[in-house]
Protein backbone atom coordinates (compact mmCIF):
# COMPACT_ATOMS: atom_id res chain seq x y z
CA MET A 1 0.00 0.00 0.00
CA ASN A 2 1.18 3.51 -0.75
CA GLN A 3 2.16 5.95 1.96
CA PRO A 4 -0.76 8.09 3.21
CA LEU A 5 -1.06 11.53 1.65
CA SER A 6 -0.69 14.71 3.69
CA GLN A 7 -3.88 16.64 4.43
CA ASN A 8 -2.97 19.27 1.81
CA GLU A 9 -2.31 16.56 -0.79
CA LEU A 10 -5.64 14.91 0.06
CA GLU A 11 -7.54 18.17 -0.34
CA ASP A 12 -5.78 18.96 -3.65
CA LEU A 13 -6.52 15.48 -4.99
CA ALA A 14 -10.15 15.59 -3.88
CA GLU A 15 -10.77 18.94 -5.52
CA LYS A 16 -9.01 17.80 -8.70
CA LEU A 17 -11.17 14.65 -8.94
CA GLU A 18 -14.42 16.55 -8.39
CA ARG A 19 -13.53 19.36 -10.80
CA LEU A 20 -12.54 16.85 -13.47
CA SER A 21 -15.77 14.89 -13.15
CA VAL A 22 -17.81 18.12 -13.38
CA GLN A 23 -15.79 19.19 -16.43
CA TYR A 24 -16.59 15.88 -18.12
CA ILE A 25 -20.31 16.44 -17.46
CA GLN A 26 -20.15 19.98 -18.82
CA ASP A 27 -18.22 18.78 -21.89
CA LYS A 28 -20.56 15.79 -22.28
CA ASN A 29 -17.47 13.57 -22.34
CA TRP A 30 -19.39 10.49 -21.18
CA ALA A 31 -16.67 7.95 -21.99
CA ALA A 32 -14.14 9.77 -19.79
CA LEU A 33 -16.69 10.19 -16.99
CA GLU A 34 -17.61 6.49 -17.07
CA MET A 35 -13.92 5.62 -16.69
CA MET A 36 -13.94 7.52 -13.36
CA LEU A 37 -16.84 5.46 -12.00
CA ASP A 38 -16.51 2.03 -10.46
CA PRO A 39 -18.98 -0.45 -12.02
CA ALA A 40 -20.63 -0.85 -8.59
CA CYS A 41 -20.84 2.91 -7.96
CA GLN A 42 -24.03 3.99 -6.20
CA PHE A 43 -25.60 7.44 -6.37
CA VAL A 44 -28.13 8.99 -4.03
CA SER A 45 -30.08 12.21 -4.36
CA MET A 46 -33.22 13.71 -2.88
CA ASN A 47 -35.11 11.45 -5.32
CA GLY A 48 -33.57 8.23 -3.96
CA ALA A 49 -30.71 5.88 -4.82
CA CYS A 50 -29.66 4.51 -8.18
CA ASP A 51 -26.92 2.48 -9.81
CA ARG A 52 -24.19 3.67 -12.15
CA THR A 53 -26.16 3.00 -15.35
CA THR A 54 -29.19 4.96 -14.17
CA ALA A 55 -26.98 7.78 -12.87
CA MET A 56 -25.23 8.04 -16.24
CA THR A 57 -28.61 8.29 -17.97
CA LEU A 58 -29.65 11.09 -15.59
CA MET A 59 -26.35 12.95 -16.05
CA LYS A 60 -26.71 12.77 -19.83
CA GLU A 61 -30.10 14.51 -19.48
CA MET A 62 -28.69 17.20 -17.19
CA HIS A 63 -27.72 20.65 -18.43
CA LEU A 64 -24.93 21.86 -16.17
CA GLY A 65 -23.79 25.48 -16.24
CA PRO A 66 -21.01 27.17 -14.27
CA VAL A 67 -20.02 25.40 -11.04
CA LYS A 68 -18.42 26.64 -7.80
CA PHE A 69 -16.95 24.50 -5.01
CA LYS A 70 -16.13 25.27 -1.39
CA ASP A 71 -15.31 23.72 1.99
CA PHE A 72 -13.67 20.43 1.02
CA LYS A 73 -13.29 18.05 3.97
CA VAL A 74 -11.28 14.95 3.12
CA THR A 75 -10.24 11.87 5.03
CA GLN A 76 -8.34 8.81 3.92
CA SER A 77 -8.98 5.24 5.00
CA GLY A 78 -6.52 2.88 3.34
CA ASP A 79 -7.07 3.16 -0.40
CA ASN A 80 -10.29 5.16 0.05
CA LEU A 81 -10.91 8.91 0.02
CA ILE A 82 -14.04 10.20 1.70
CA MET A 83 -14.84 13.77 0.78
CA SER A 84 -17.58 16.19 1.61
CA PHE A 85 -17.90 19.58 0.00
CA TRP A 86 -20.39 22.21 -1.08
CA LEU A 87 -21.24 22.77 -4.72
CA ALA A 88 -23.22 25.55 -6.40
CA ALA A 89 -24.27 25.27 -10.03
CA LEU A 90 -26.83 26.43 -12.50
CA GLU A 91 -28.45 23.11 -13.30
CA TYR A 92 -31.56 21.86 -15.03
CA ARG A 93 -33.09 18.40 -14.73
CA ASP A 94 -36.31 17.34 -16.41
CA GLY A 95 -36.75 20.90 -17.63
CA LYS A 96 -36.77 22.22 -14.04
CA GLU A 97 -34.23 24.61 -12.61
CA LEU A 98 -32.57 23.31 -9.46
CA SER A 99 -31.43 25.63 -6.72
CA PRO A 100 -28.30 27.57 -7.74
CA ASP A 101 -27.34 27.86 -4.07
CA TYR A 102 -24.60 25.80 -2.45
CA SER A 103 -25.70 22.31 -1.48
CA PRO A 104 -23.80 19.54 0.31
CA ARG A 105 -22.19 16.65 -1.56
CA LEU A 106 -20.41 13.52 -0.41
CA SER A 107 -18.26 11.23 -2.52
CA VAL A 108 -16.18 8.15 -1.82
CA TRP A 109 -13.28 7.23 -4.09
CA LYS A 110 -11.21 4.04 -4.13
CA ARG A 111 -7.74 3.70 -5.57
CA GLN A 112 -7.62 0.80 -8.06
CA ASP A 113 -4.04 0.33 -9.25
CA SER A 114 -2.99 3.90 -10.12
CA GLN A 115 -6.50 5.25 -10.80
CA TRP A 116 -9.11 6.73 -8.47
CA LEU A 117 -12.66 5.48 -9.05
CA CYS A 118 -15.80 6.91 -7.52
CA ILE A 119 -17.68 4.21 -5.61
CA ALA A 120 -20.40 6.37 -4.01
CA TYR A 121 -21.83 9.86 -4.52
CA ALA A 122 -24.52 11.78 -2.66
CA ASP A 123 -26.08 14.85 -4.29
CA LEU A 124 -28.31 16.70 -1.83
CA ILE A 125 -29.52 19.47 -4.14
CA GLY A 126 -33.25 20.13 -4.25
CA GLN A 127 -35.52 21.60 -6.87
CA LYS A 128 -35.56 25.39 -6.83
CA ARG A 129 -38.52 26.68 -4.87
CA LYS A 130 -40.66 29.37 -6.38
CA ASP A 131 -42.01 32.08 -4.11
CA THR A 132 -45.68 31.46 -3.41
CA ALA A 133 -46.44 34.87 -1.96
């Protein structure tokens, strides 16, 4: 097993992985994105849990605009990275605008040989609420 990374190295790696995966979604580079996902990867959102195949279908239907990240918290357990962070994006799903405000995210990545693969991802963004007043 490789030597554990320093906290700064962990945070840099975590941010790099998340930014790259978002860039692939924005670029609609689905082949590259799929290579970052473990075949058993599980996704959860406010709408429930789904497998990798279903998540890829949903991501292909998503229209993702500019994205901002903040507050990365990263821990390492063996060959796993557990990261939480906040993400803000202009995003549309099913023709509905989701909240552009920061929302919490959680991802778990596992090192397989020399590559990091996402094995779990939680997206806690909700649908944008319209004022009812």
